[in-house]
N, C-alpha and C. Protein backbone atom coordinates (compact mmCIF):
# COMPACT_ATOMS: atom_id res chain seq x y z
N UNK A 1 115.75 97.70 112.24
CA UNK A 1 114.32 97.50 112.41
C UNK A 1 113.93 97.48 113.87
N UNK A 2 114.76 96.79 114.73
CA UNK A 2 114.47 96.75 116.16
C UNK A 2 114.48 98.14 116.76
N UNK A 3 115.42 98.98 116.25
CA UNK A 3 115.50 100.33 116.78
C UNK A 3 114.23 101.11 116.46
N UNK A 4 113.71 100.94 115.24
CA UNK A 4 112.48 101.64 114.86
C UNK A 4 111.31 101.17 115.70
N UNK A 5 111.20 99.84 115.97
CA UNK A 5 110.12 99.31 116.80
C UNK A 5 110.19 99.90 118.20
N UNK A 6 111.41 100.00 118.77
CA UNK A 6 111.58 100.56 120.10
C UNK A 6 111.13 102.02 120.13
N UNK A 7 111.49 102.75 119.05
CA UNK A 7 111.10 104.16 118.99
C UNK A 7 109.59 104.32 118.95
N UNK A 8 108.91 103.45 118.20
CA UNK A 8 107.46 103.55 118.07
C UNK A 8 106.73 103.24 119.37
N UNK A 9 107.41 102.55 120.32
CA UNK A 9 106.80 102.24 121.59
C UNK A 9 106.98 103.36 122.61
N UNK A 10 107.78 104.39 122.30
CA UNK A 10 108.02 105.48 123.24
C UNK A 10 106.80 106.39 123.32
N UNK A 11 106.72 107.26 124.36
CA UNK A 11 105.66 108.27 124.44
C UNK A 11 105.68 109.14 123.20
N UNK A 12 104.54 109.76 122.87
CA UNK A 12 104.36 110.45 121.60
C UNK A 12 105.42 111.54 121.37
N UNK A 13 105.70 112.40 122.35
CA UNK A 13 106.63 113.52 122.15
C UNK A 13 108.03 113.00 121.89
N UNK A 14 108.51 112.07 122.74
CA UNK A 14 109.84 111.51 122.55
C UNK A 14 109.93 110.75 121.25
N UNK A 15 108.83 110.06 120.88
CA UNK A 15 108.84 109.28 119.67
C UNK A 15 109.03 110.17 118.44
N UNK A 16 108.33 111.33 118.41
CA UNK A 16 108.47 112.25 117.29
C UNK A 16 109.90 112.76 117.17
N UNK A 17 110.52 113.09 118.27
CA UNK A 17 111.89 113.59 118.25
C UNK A 17 112.86 112.53 117.76
N UNK A 18 112.64 111.29 118.22
CA UNK A 18 113.54 110.22 117.82
C UNK A 18 113.41 109.91 116.34
N UNK A 19 112.17 109.89 115.85
CA UNK A 19 111.95 109.62 114.43
C UNK A 19 112.57 110.72 113.58
N UNK A 20 112.46 111.98 114.03
CA UNK A 20 113.05 113.08 113.29
C UNK A 20 114.56 112.94 113.23
N UNK A 21 115.15 112.45 114.30
CA UNK A 21 116.61 112.30 114.36
C UNK A 21 117.10 111.26 113.37
N UNK A 22 116.44 110.10 113.33
CA UNK A 22 116.93 109.05 112.42
C UNK A 22 116.51 109.34 110.99
N UNK A 23 115.47 110.16 110.79
CA UNK A 23 115.04 110.48 109.44
C UNK A 23 116.11 111.29 108.71
N UNK A 24 116.91 112.04 109.46
CA UNK A 24 117.95 112.86 108.85
C UNK A 24 118.98 112.01 108.13
N UNK A 25 119.15 110.79 108.59
CA UNK A 25 120.15 109.92 107.97
C UNK A 25 119.53 108.68 107.36
N UNK A 26 118.25 108.78 106.97
CA UNK A 26 117.54 107.62 106.47
C UNK A 26 118.16 107.13 105.16
N UNK A 27 118.16 105.83 104.98
CA UNK A 27 118.75 105.21 103.79
C UNK A 27 117.67 104.73 102.84
N UNK A 28 118.01 104.73 101.59
CA UNK A 28 117.17 104.10 100.58
C UNK A 28 117.98 102.99 99.94
N UNK A 29 117.49 101.79 100.06
CA UNK A 29 118.20 100.65 99.46
C UNK A 29 117.49 100.23 98.19
N UNK A 30 118.22 100.15 97.12
CA UNK A 30 117.66 99.77 95.83
C UNK A 30 118.35 98.50 95.37
N UNK A 31 117.57 97.55 94.97
CA UNK A 31 118.12 96.25 94.62
C UNK A 31 117.87 95.95 93.15
N UNK A 32 118.92 95.57 92.46
CA UNK A 32 118.81 95.12 91.08
C UNK A 32 119.37 93.72 91.00
N UNK A 33 118.55 92.78 90.59
CA UNK A 33 118.98 91.39 90.50
C UNK A 33 118.97 90.94 89.05
N UNK A 34 120.08 90.40 88.61
CA UNK A 34 120.19 89.85 87.26
C UNK A 34 120.53 88.38 87.36
N UNK A 35 119.68 87.56 86.80
CA UNK A 35 119.94 86.12 86.79
C UNK A 35 120.21 85.69 85.36
N UNK A 36 121.38 85.16 85.11
CA UNK A 36 121.75 84.71 83.77
C UNK A 36 122.18 83.26 83.84
N UNK A 37 121.54 82.42 83.07
CA UNK A 37 121.94 81.02 83.08
C UNK A 37 123.15 80.83 82.21
N UNK A 38 123.93 79.81 82.51
CA UNK A 38 125.09 79.48 81.72
C UNK A 38 124.68 78.49 80.62
N UNK A 39 125.45 78.48 79.54
CA UNK A 39 125.18 77.64 78.38
C UNK A 39 123.88 78.07 77.72
N UNK A 40 122.91 77.15 77.57
CA UNK A 40 121.75 77.45 76.73
C UNK A 40 120.47 77.67 77.49
N UNK A 41 120.55 77.94 78.75
CA UNK A 41 119.34 78.21 79.52
C UNK A 41 118.90 79.65 79.30
N UNK A 42 117.65 79.95 79.67
CA UNK A 42 117.11 81.30 79.47
C UNK A 42 117.71 82.27 80.49
N UNK A 43 117.51 83.57 80.26
CA UNK A 43 118.00 84.59 81.16
C UNK A 43 116.85 85.47 81.61
N UNK A 44 117.02 86.07 82.79
CA UNK A 44 115.96 86.95 83.30
C UNK A 44 116.57 88.08 84.09
N UNK A 45 115.77 89.12 84.32
CA UNK A 45 116.25 90.27 85.06
C UNK A 45 115.07 90.87 85.82
N UNK A 46 115.32 91.29 87.06
CA UNK A 46 114.27 91.92 87.84
C UNK A 46 114.88 92.96 88.75
N UNK A 47 114.06 93.94 89.15
CA UNK A 47 114.52 94.98 90.06
C UNK A 47 113.47 95.22 91.13
N UNK A 48 113.92 95.47 92.35
CA UNK A 48 113.01 95.74 93.46
C UNK A 48 113.51 96.94 94.23
N UNK A 49 112.63 97.87 94.55
CA UNK A 49 112.99 99.01 95.37
C UNK A 49 112.51 98.79 96.79
N UNK A 50 113.44 98.89 97.76
CA UNK A 50 113.10 98.75 99.16
C UNK A 50 113.35 100.09 99.85
N UNK A 51 112.30 100.70 100.38
CA UNK A 51 112.40 102.06 100.89
C UNK A 51 112.06 102.08 102.37
N UNK A 52 112.89 102.79 103.16
CA UNK A 52 112.60 102.92 104.58
C UNK A 52 111.69 104.12 104.80
N UNK A 53 111.59 104.61 106.06
CA UNK A 53 110.68 105.70 106.37
C UNK A 53 111.09 106.97 105.62
N UNK A 54 110.22 107.96 105.62
CA UNK A 54 110.45 109.23 104.95
C UNK A 54 110.60 109.03 103.43
N UNK A 55 109.77 108.19 102.88
CA UNK A 55 109.85 107.91 101.46
C UNK A 55 109.64 109.17 100.63
N UNK A 56 108.82 110.10 101.16
CA UNK A 56 108.52 111.30 100.39
C UNK A 56 109.73 112.24 100.32
N UNK A 57 110.73 112.04 101.18
CA UNK A 57 111.93 112.86 101.13
C UNK A 57 112.95 112.27 100.17
N UNK A 58 113.19 110.97 100.33
CA UNK A 58 114.15 110.29 99.47
C UNK A 58 113.41 109.56 98.36
N UNK A 59 113.86 109.79 97.13
CA UNK A 59 113.31 109.05 96.00
C UNK A 59 114.45 108.80 95.04
N UNK A 60 114.90 107.56 94.98
CA UNK A 60 116.03 107.20 94.14
C UNK A 60 115.66 106.01 93.26
N UNK A 61 116.30 105.91 92.12
CA UNK A 61 116.09 104.76 91.25
C UNK A 61 117.43 104.16 90.88
N UNK A 62 117.51 102.85 90.96
CA UNK A 62 118.67 102.13 90.43
C UNK A 62 118.37 101.79 88.99
N UNK A 63 118.98 102.52 88.07
CA UNK A 63 118.70 102.36 86.65
C UNK A 63 119.61 101.28 86.07
N UNK A 64 119.15 100.67 84.98
CA UNK A 64 119.92 99.55 84.45
C UNK A 64 119.69 99.35 82.96
N UNK A 65 120.77 98.98 82.28
CA UNK A 65 120.68 98.42 80.93
C UNK A 65 121.19 96.99 81.02
N UNK A 66 120.32 96.04 80.78
CA UNK A 66 120.67 94.63 80.90
C UNK A 66 120.36 93.92 79.60
N UNK A 67 121.36 93.24 79.03
CA UNK A 67 121.17 92.51 77.77
C UNK A 67 121.39 91.02 78.03
N UNK A 68 120.32 90.28 78.29
CA UNK A 68 120.47 88.85 78.57
C UNK A 68 120.88 88.08 77.33
N UNK A 69 121.92 87.26 77.44
CA UNK A 69 122.37 86.49 76.27
C UNK A 69 121.56 85.23 76.09
N UNK A 70 121.56 84.72 74.86
CA UNK A 70 120.89 83.45 74.60
C UNK A 70 121.70 82.29 75.17
N UNK A 71 123.01 82.48 75.24
CA UNK A 71 123.90 81.47 75.81
C UNK A 71 125.05 82.18 76.49
N UNK A 72 125.62 81.55 77.49
CA UNK A 72 126.69 82.16 78.25
C UNK A 72 127.71 81.10 78.61
N UNK A 73 128.97 81.34 78.27
CA UNK A 73 130.04 80.38 78.55
C UNK A 73 131.26 81.12 79.05
N UNK A 74 132.27 80.36 79.51
CA UNK A 74 133.49 80.97 80.00
C UNK A 74 134.12 81.88 78.96
N UNK A 75 134.51 83.11 79.38
CA UNK A 75 135.07 84.10 78.47
C UNK A 75 134.04 85.05 77.90
N UNK A 76 132.74 84.74 78.04
CA UNK A 76 131.69 85.60 77.51
C UNK A 76 131.45 86.79 78.43
N UNK A 77 130.84 87.82 77.87
CA UNK A 77 130.48 89.02 78.64
C UNK A 77 128.98 89.24 78.60
N UNK A 78 128.47 89.84 79.67
CA UNK A 78 127.06 90.18 79.77
C UNK A 78 126.96 91.68 80.04
N UNK A 79 126.18 92.38 79.23
CA UNK A 79 125.99 93.81 79.45
C UNK A 79 125.07 94.02 80.64
N UNK A 80 125.59 94.70 81.65
CA UNK A 80 124.81 95.04 82.84
C UNK A 80 125.33 96.38 83.34
N UNK A 81 124.77 97.44 82.79
CA UNK A 81 125.20 98.80 83.11
C UNK A 81 124.23 99.39 84.13
N UNK A 82 124.74 99.78 85.30
CA UNK A 82 123.89 100.29 86.37
C UNK A 82 124.33 101.67 86.81
N UNK A 83 123.38 102.51 87.09
CA UNK A 83 123.66 103.82 87.67
C UNK A 83 122.49 104.21 88.57
N UNK A 84 122.70 105.19 89.42
CA UNK A 84 121.68 105.61 90.37
C UNK A 84 121.20 107.01 90.00
N UNK A 85 119.90 107.17 89.94
CA UNK A 85 119.30 108.47 89.62
C UNK A 85 118.62 109.04 90.85
N UNK A 86 118.84 110.32 91.11
CA UNK A 86 118.20 111.03 92.21
C UNK A 86 116.96 111.73 91.66
N UNK A 87 115.80 111.12 91.83
CA UNK A 87 114.57 111.78 91.39
C UNK A 87 113.80 112.31 92.59
N UNK A 88 114.53 112.58 93.69
CA UNK A 88 113.94 113.20 94.86
C UNK A 88 114.18 114.70 94.85
N UNK A 89 114.10 115.31 96.03
CA UNK A 89 114.23 116.76 96.09
C UNK A 89 115.37 117.24 96.98
N UNK A 90 116.25 116.33 97.43
CA UNK A 90 117.40 116.73 98.23
C UNK A 90 118.65 116.00 97.73
N UNK A 91 119.84 116.59 97.90
CA UNK A 91 121.08 115.94 97.48
C UNK A 91 121.36 114.70 98.32
N UNK A 92 122.20 113.80 97.79
CA UNK A 92 122.52 112.59 98.54
C UNK A 92 123.90 112.07 98.15
N UNK A 93 124.44 111.22 99.02
CA UNK A 93 125.63 110.44 98.73
C UNK A 93 125.19 109.01 98.42
N UNK A 94 125.99 108.30 97.64
CA UNK A 94 125.59 106.98 97.14
C UNK A 94 126.72 105.98 97.32
N UNK A 95 126.37 104.75 97.69
CA UNK A 95 127.30 103.64 97.61
C UNK A 95 126.57 102.43 97.05
N UNK A 96 127.32 101.51 96.45
CA UNK A 96 126.73 100.35 95.79
C UNK A 96 127.48 99.09 96.23
N UNK A 97 126.73 98.02 96.49
CA UNK A 97 127.30 96.71 96.79
C UNK A 97 126.96 95.77 95.63
N UNK A 98 127.91 94.90 95.28
CA UNK A 98 127.70 93.95 94.19
C UNK A 98 127.88 92.54 94.74
N UNK A 99 126.87 91.69 94.52
CA UNK A 99 126.90 90.33 95.04
C UNK A 99 126.71 89.34 93.90
N UNK A 100 127.78 88.64 93.48
CA UNK A 100 127.62 87.59 92.47
C UNK A 100 127.42 86.22 93.14
N UNK A 101 126.55 85.42 92.56
CA UNK A 101 126.32 84.07 93.05
C UNK A 101 126.26 83.12 91.86
N UNK A 102 127.03 82.05 91.93
CA UNK A 102 127.02 81.01 90.90
C UNK A 102 126.45 79.75 91.54
N UNK A 103 125.29 79.33 91.05
CA UNK A 103 124.59 78.19 91.64
C UNK A 103 124.77 76.94 90.79
N UNK A 104 125.11 75.85 91.45
CA UNK A 104 125.35 74.58 90.77
C UNK A 104 124.05 73.99 90.23
N UNK A 105 124.14 72.95 89.39
CA UNK A 105 122.94 72.34 88.80
C UNK A 105 121.92 71.85 89.81
N UNK A 106 122.35 71.53 91.06
CA UNK A 106 121.37 71.05 92.04
C UNK A 106 120.47 72.16 92.56
N UNK A 107 120.79 73.41 92.19
CA UNK A 107 119.97 74.53 92.58
C UNK A 107 120.17 75.00 94.00
N UNK A 108 121.05 74.35 94.75
CA UNK A 108 121.26 74.70 96.14
C UNK A 108 122.71 75.01 96.48
N UNK A 109 123.64 74.40 95.77
CA UNK A 109 125.06 74.58 96.06
C UNK A 109 125.59 75.83 95.38
N UNK A 110 126.22 76.71 96.17
CA UNK A 110 126.82 77.91 95.63
C UNK A 110 128.29 77.65 95.31
N UNK A 111 128.65 77.84 94.06
CA UNK A 111 130.03 77.68 93.62
C UNK A 111 130.78 79.00 93.83
N UNK A 112 132.10 78.93 93.81
CA UNK A 112 132.89 80.14 94.01
C UNK A 112 132.68 81.10 92.85
N UNK A 113 132.36 82.35 93.17
CA UNK A 113 132.14 83.37 92.16
C UNK A 113 132.58 84.71 92.72
N UNK A 114 133.84 85.05 92.51
CA UNK A 114 134.39 86.30 93.01
C UNK A 114 134.89 87.15 91.86
N UNK A 115 134.66 88.47 91.99
CA UNK A 115 135.21 89.37 91.01
C UNK A 115 136.73 89.43 91.19
N UNK A 116 137.42 89.36 90.07
CA UNK A 116 138.87 89.29 90.09
C UNK A 116 139.36 87.87 89.94
N UNK A 117 138.48 86.91 90.09
CA UNK A 117 138.82 85.49 89.93
C UNK A 117 137.94 84.87 88.85
N UNK A 118 136.74 84.42 89.24
CA UNK A 118 135.85 83.79 88.27
C UNK A 118 135.10 84.82 87.41
N UNK A 119 134.98 86.04 87.93
CA UNK A 119 134.25 87.10 87.23
C UNK A 119 135.12 88.34 87.15
N UNK A 120 134.86 89.17 86.14
CA UNK A 120 135.65 90.39 85.95
C UNK A 120 134.72 91.53 85.53
N UNK A 121 134.98 92.71 86.09
CA UNK A 121 134.28 93.91 85.64
C UNK A 121 134.86 94.34 84.29
N UNK A 122 134.00 94.82 83.41
CA UNK A 122 134.43 95.39 82.15
C UNK A 122 134.14 96.88 82.20
N UNK A 123 135.18 97.70 81.96
CA UNK A 123 135.07 99.16 82.03
C UNK A 123 134.60 99.62 83.41
N UNK A 124 135.26 99.12 84.45
CA UNK A 124 134.98 99.57 85.81
C UNK A 124 135.36 101.04 85.93
N UNK A 125 134.44 101.85 86.42
CA UNK A 125 134.63 103.30 86.47
C UNK A 125 135.33 103.69 87.77
N UNK A 126 136.66 103.81 87.71
CA UNK A 126 137.43 104.20 88.90
C UNK A 126 137.62 105.71 88.99
N UNK A 127 137.17 106.45 87.98
CA UNK A 127 137.27 107.91 88.02
C UNK A 127 136.19 108.52 88.90
N UNK A 128 135.01 107.92 88.90
CA UNK A 128 133.88 108.46 89.66
C UNK A 128 133.49 107.63 90.87
N UNK A 129 133.99 106.38 90.92
CA UNK A 129 133.67 105.48 92.01
C UNK A 129 134.95 105.01 92.70
N UNK A 130 134.86 104.78 94.02
CA UNK A 130 136.01 104.30 94.79
C UNK A 130 135.64 103.02 95.52
N UNK A 131 136.48 102.00 95.33
CA UNK A 131 136.32 100.75 96.08
C UNK A 131 136.75 101.01 97.52
N UNK A 132 135.81 100.93 98.45
CA UNK A 132 136.12 101.24 99.84
C UNK A 132 136.83 100.13 100.58
N UNK A 133 136.99 98.98 99.95
CA UNK A 133 137.63 97.86 100.62
C UNK A 133 136.75 97.20 101.65
N UNK A 134 135.50 97.61 101.75
CA UNK A 134 134.54 97.05 102.71
C UNK A 134 133.38 96.38 102.00
N UNK A 135 133.58 96.04 100.72
CA UNK A 135 132.51 95.42 99.95
C UNK A 135 131.63 96.41 99.23
N UNK A 136 131.96 97.71 99.30
CA UNK A 136 131.12 98.74 98.69
C UNK A 136 131.94 99.62 97.75
N UNK A 137 131.27 100.10 96.71
CA UNK A 137 131.82 101.13 95.84
C UNK A 137 131.11 102.44 96.18
N UNK A 138 131.88 103.50 96.39
CA UNK A 138 131.34 104.79 96.80
C UNK A 138 131.41 105.78 95.64
N UNK A 139 130.29 106.47 95.41
CA UNK A 139 130.28 107.51 94.39
C UNK A 139 130.95 108.74 94.96
N UNK A 140 131.99 109.22 94.31
CA UNK A 140 132.82 110.29 94.86
C UNK A 140 132.29 111.66 94.46
N UNK A 141 131.02 111.84 94.72
CA UNK A 141 130.39 113.12 94.41
C UNK A 141 129.09 113.27 95.16
N UNK A 142 128.53 114.44 95.06
CA UNK A 142 127.25 114.79 95.68
C UNK A 142 126.20 114.72 94.58
N UNK A 143 125.21 113.86 94.77
CA UNK A 143 124.21 113.63 93.73
C UNK A 143 123.04 114.58 93.92
N UNK A 144 122.96 115.57 93.04
CA UNK A 144 121.93 116.59 93.14
C UNK A 144 120.57 116.06 92.67
N UNK A 145 119.47 116.67 93.10
CA UNK A 145 118.15 116.26 92.62
C UNK A 145 118.09 116.32 91.09
N UNK A 146 117.57 115.27 90.50
CA UNK A 146 117.46 115.19 89.06
C UNK A 146 118.70 114.65 88.36
N UNK A 147 119.80 114.51 89.09
CA UNK A 147 121.06 114.05 88.49
C UNK A 147 121.20 112.54 88.61
N UNK A 148 122.13 111.99 87.83
CA UNK A 148 122.44 110.56 87.87
C UNK A 148 123.93 110.36 88.04
N UNK A 149 124.31 109.27 88.69
CA UNK A 149 125.72 108.92 88.79
C UNK A 149 126.22 108.44 87.44
N UNK A 150 127.52 108.40 87.29
CA UNK A 150 128.10 107.70 86.16
C UNK A 150 127.97 106.21 86.42
N UNK A 151 127.86 105.37 85.38
CA UNK A 151 127.77 103.92 85.60
C UNK A 151 128.97 103.39 86.36
N UNK A 152 128.74 102.42 87.23
CA UNK A 152 129.83 101.79 87.96
C UNK A 152 130.65 100.90 87.04
N UNK A 153 130.00 100.10 86.24
CA UNK A 153 130.66 99.28 85.22
C UNK A 153 129.67 99.03 84.09
N UNK A 154 130.15 98.49 82.99
CA UNK A 154 129.29 98.31 81.82
C UNK A 154 128.95 96.85 81.54
N UNK A 155 129.87 95.97 81.87
CA UNK A 155 129.65 94.55 81.59
C UNK A 155 130.30 93.69 82.67
N UNK A 156 129.87 92.43 82.71
CA UNK A 156 130.50 91.41 83.56
C UNK A 156 131.02 90.32 82.63
N UNK A 157 132.29 89.94 82.81
CA UNK A 157 132.88 88.90 81.97
C UNK A 157 133.21 87.67 82.81
N UNK A 158 132.82 86.51 82.29
CA UNK A 158 133.17 85.25 82.95
C UNK A 158 134.59 84.86 82.60
N UNK A 159 135.33 84.40 83.58
CA UNK A 159 136.70 83.98 83.34
C UNK A 159 136.72 82.75 82.43
N UNK A 160 137.80 82.64 81.66
CA UNK A 160 137.93 81.50 80.75
C UNK A 160 137.97 80.17 81.49
N UNK A 161 138.34 80.23 82.77
CA UNK A 161 138.48 78.99 83.54
C UNK A 161 137.14 78.39 83.94
N UNK A 162 136.05 79.15 83.81
CA UNK A 162 134.75 78.65 84.23
C UNK A 162 134.27 77.56 83.27
N UNK A 163 133.92 76.42 83.81
CA UNK A 163 133.34 75.32 83.03
C UNK A 163 131.84 75.41 83.19
N UNK A 164 131.15 75.68 82.11
CA UNK A 164 129.71 75.91 82.19
C UNK A 164 128.93 74.61 82.20
N UNK A 165 127.72 74.70 82.70
CA UNK A 165 126.81 73.57 82.73
C UNK A 165 125.44 74.09 82.34
N UNK A 166 124.67 73.29 81.64
CA UNK A 166 123.39 73.76 81.14
C UNK A 166 122.40 74.11 82.24
N UNK A 167 122.69 73.73 83.49
CA UNK A 167 121.77 74.04 84.57
C UNK A 167 122.36 75.00 85.60
N UNK A 168 123.61 75.43 85.42
CA UNK A 168 124.21 76.37 86.35
C UNK A 168 123.67 77.77 86.09
N UNK A 169 123.53 78.56 87.15
CA UNK A 169 122.93 79.89 87.03
C UNK A 169 123.83 80.93 87.69
N UNK A 170 124.12 82.00 86.98
CA UNK A 170 124.87 83.13 87.52
C UNK A 170 123.90 84.24 87.86
N UNK A 171 123.94 84.71 89.10
CA UNK A 171 123.10 85.82 89.54
C UNK A 171 124.00 86.95 90.04
N UNK A 172 123.78 88.15 89.53
CA UNK A 172 124.53 89.32 89.98
C UNK A 172 123.53 90.32 90.57
N UNK A 173 123.66 90.58 91.86
CA UNK A 173 122.75 91.48 92.56
C UNK A 173 123.47 92.77 92.93
N UNK A 174 122.87 93.90 92.63
CA UNK A 174 123.39 95.20 93.03
C UNK A 174 122.45 95.84 94.04
N UNK A 175 123.02 96.37 95.10
CA UNK A 175 122.24 97.10 96.10
C UNK A 175 122.83 98.50 96.22
N UNK A 176 122.04 99.51 95.95
CA UNK A 176 122.49 100.90 96.06
C UNK A 176 121.88 101.52 97.31
N UNK A 177 122.72 102.17 98.11
CA UNK A 177 122.27 102.85 99.32
C UNK A 177 122.56 104.34 99.20
N UNK A 178 121.59 105.16 99.55
CA UNK A 178 121.80 106.60 99.53
C UNK A 178 121.51 107.19 100.89
N UNK A 179 122.18 108.27 101.20
CA UNK A 179 121.96 108.98 102.46
C UNK A 179 122.08 110.48 102.17
N UNK A 180 121.30 111.28 102.85
CA UNK A 180 121.36 112.72 102.61
C UNK A 180 122.68 113.28 103.08
N UNK A 181 123.04 114.45 102.59
CA UNK A 181 124.42 114.92 102.68
C UNK A 181 124.75 115.74 103.92
N UNK A 182 123.85 115.86 104.86
CA UNK A 182 124.14 116.64 106.07
C UNK A 182 125.27 116.03 106.88
N UNK A 183 126.07 116.87 107.54
CA UNK A 183 127.17 116.35 108.38
C UNK A 183 126.59 115.63 109.59
N UNK A 184 127.11 114.49 109.98
CA UNK A 184 127.97 113.59 109.23
C UNK A 184 127.18 112.31 109.08
N UNK A 185 126.07 112.46 108.40
CA UNK A 185 125.11 111.36 108.35
C UNK A 185 125.64 110.15 107.58
N UNK A 186 126.47 110.37 106.58
CA UNK A 186 126.99 109.23 105.82
C UNK A 186 127.90 108.38 106.70
N UNK A 187 128.68 109.01 107.57
CA UNK A 187 129.54 108.24 108.47
C UNK A 187 128.72 107.40 109.44
N UNK A 188 127.71 108.03 110.02
CA UNK A 188 126.89 107.33 111.02
C UNK A 188 126.08 106.21 110.38
N UNK A 189 125.52 106.47 109.19
CA UNK A 189 124.67 105.48 108.54
C UNK A 189 125.48 104.32 107.98
N UNK A 190 126.65 104.61 107.41
CA UNK A 190 127.42 103.58 106.71
C UNK A 190 128.51 102.95 107.57
N UNK A 191 129.09 103.71 108.49
CA UNK A 191 130.24 103.22 109.23
C UNK A 191 130.01 103.16 110.74
N UNK A 192 128.83 103.61 111.19
CA UNK A 192 128.45 103.46 112.59
C UNK A 192 129.06 104.46 113.54
N UNK A 193 129.71 105.50 113.03
CA UNK A 193 130.32 106.51 113.89
C UNK A 193 130.47 107.81 113.12
N UNK A 194 130.40 108.94 113.84
CA UNK A 194 130.58 110.24 113.21
C UNK A 194 132.03 110.66 113.11
N UNK A 195 132.96 109.80 113.56
CA UNK A 195 134.37 110.15 113.59
C UNK A 195 134.99 110.11 112.19
N UNK A 196 135.98 110.97 111.97
CA UNK A 196 136.70 110.98 110.71
C UNK A 196 137.50 109.69 110.52
N UNK A 197 137.65 109.30 109.26
CA UNK A 197 138.55 108.20 108.90
C UNK A 197 139.67 108.80 108.07
N UNK A 198 140.89 108.58 108.47
CA UNK A 198 142.00 109.27 107.84
C UNK A 198 143.01 108.35 107.16
N UNK A 199 142.69 107.07 107.03
CA UNK A 199 143.62 106.15 106.40
C UNK A 199 142.88 105.11 105.58
N UNK A 200 143.61 104.50 104.64
CA UNK A 200 143.03 103.44 103.83
C UNK A 200 142.04 103.95 102.80
N UNK A 201 141.42 103.04 102.06
CA UNK A 201 140.45 103.44 101.03
C UNK A 201 139.29 104.25 101.59
N UNK A 202 138.78 103.86 102.77
CA UNK A 202 137.67 104.61 103.35
C UNK A 202 138.10 106.01 103.76
N UNK A 203 139.38 106.16 104.10
CA UNK A 203 139.89 107.49 104.40
C UNK A 203 139.83 108.40 103.18
N UNK A 204 140.11 107.83 102.01
CA UNK A 204 140.01 108.60 100.77
C UNK A 204 138.55 108.97 100.48
N UNK A 205 137.64 108.02 100.74
CA UNK A 205 136.22 108.30 100.54
C UNK A 205 135.77 109.40 101.49
N UNK A 206 136.15 109.28 102.78
CA UNK A 206 135.73 110.27 103.77
C UNK A 206 136.28 111.65 103.43
N UNK A 207 137.52 111.71 102.98
CA UNK A 207 138.11 113.00 102.63
C UNK A 207 137.34 113.67 101.49
N UNK A 208 136.91 112.87 100.51
CA UNK A 208 136.16 113.44 99.39
C UNK A 208 134.77 113.89 99.82
N UNK A 209 134.09 113.06 100.61
CA UNK A 209 132.70 113.37 100.96
C UNK A 209 132.59 114.47 102.01
N UNK A 210 133.58 114.52 102.92
CA UNK A 210 133.48 115.55 103.98
C UNK A 210 133.51 116.95 103.38
N UNK A 211 134.21 117.11 102.25
CA UNK A 211 134.24 118.41 101.60
C UNK A 211 132.97 118.75 100.86
N UNK A 212 132.10 117.76 100.69
CA UNK A 212 130.83 117.98 99.97
C UNK A 212 129.63 117.97 100.91
N UNK A 213 129.86 117.59 102.17
CA UNK A 213 128.75 117.47 103.13
C UNK A 213 128.19 118.85 103.49
N UNK A 214 126.91 118.83 103.80
CA UNK A 214 126.30 120.08 104.22
C UNK A 214 125.03 120.37 103.44
C-alpha cells in the first residue's frame, strides 16, 4: 500500500509508467471465512472479495460448498470445499493460504489449532496442488479464463483429542491469491524476486510454473 501511495505522488508521466509496471503483476486476494461453533452452538459462513487496482483485468471468485453442522465435536468433519474460478479475461496462476483459529469460551484466547495435529484435511488434493512449505498451496497449472481449479480439499476433520466446549468457536479462513502468467510475475509477486528457485517444495512449484509462464 505504501508503494502505491508513493507512486501516486509522482509526476503524471512517471506515475503512469509505474502503475503500468505493477499492474502487470497485480494480485487479487479472495477471502473465504467459515466460522463453526463446537458442540451445540450455531454455525455461519461468509465470504469477502478484496481486489487491488486493475479490477477490470483480474476477476476471480473463491467458490465454496460449506455445510455447517448443527453440532461439532472431536472426530467430526465439516464439509468445506473450495476452488478458484477465473471469470476474467486473462490466464493466471493461483495460490491459497489456509488459516484455522480455535477460540476459547472467553472469546479472546486462541487455542492451538494446526492442520496435522488438532485439525486434518479430508481428501487433500495433492495431484493438482502443491504445499510450498511457506504456508501456501500452489495450483500446479495455468488457470484459463472461464476455468476453475480443482478443489484443494473437501472437508476439515477435528482430531479426536479435541475437547469441545459449548462456547468454543472454530474458524477456518482461506485466502486465494492470483497473478497473471507473464514472466516472471509470480516470482516477484509471491517470493519477492525474479530469480529461479531450484530446490525444495518451492523449487518444484517454480519448475512447474516456469514452463507455463508467458
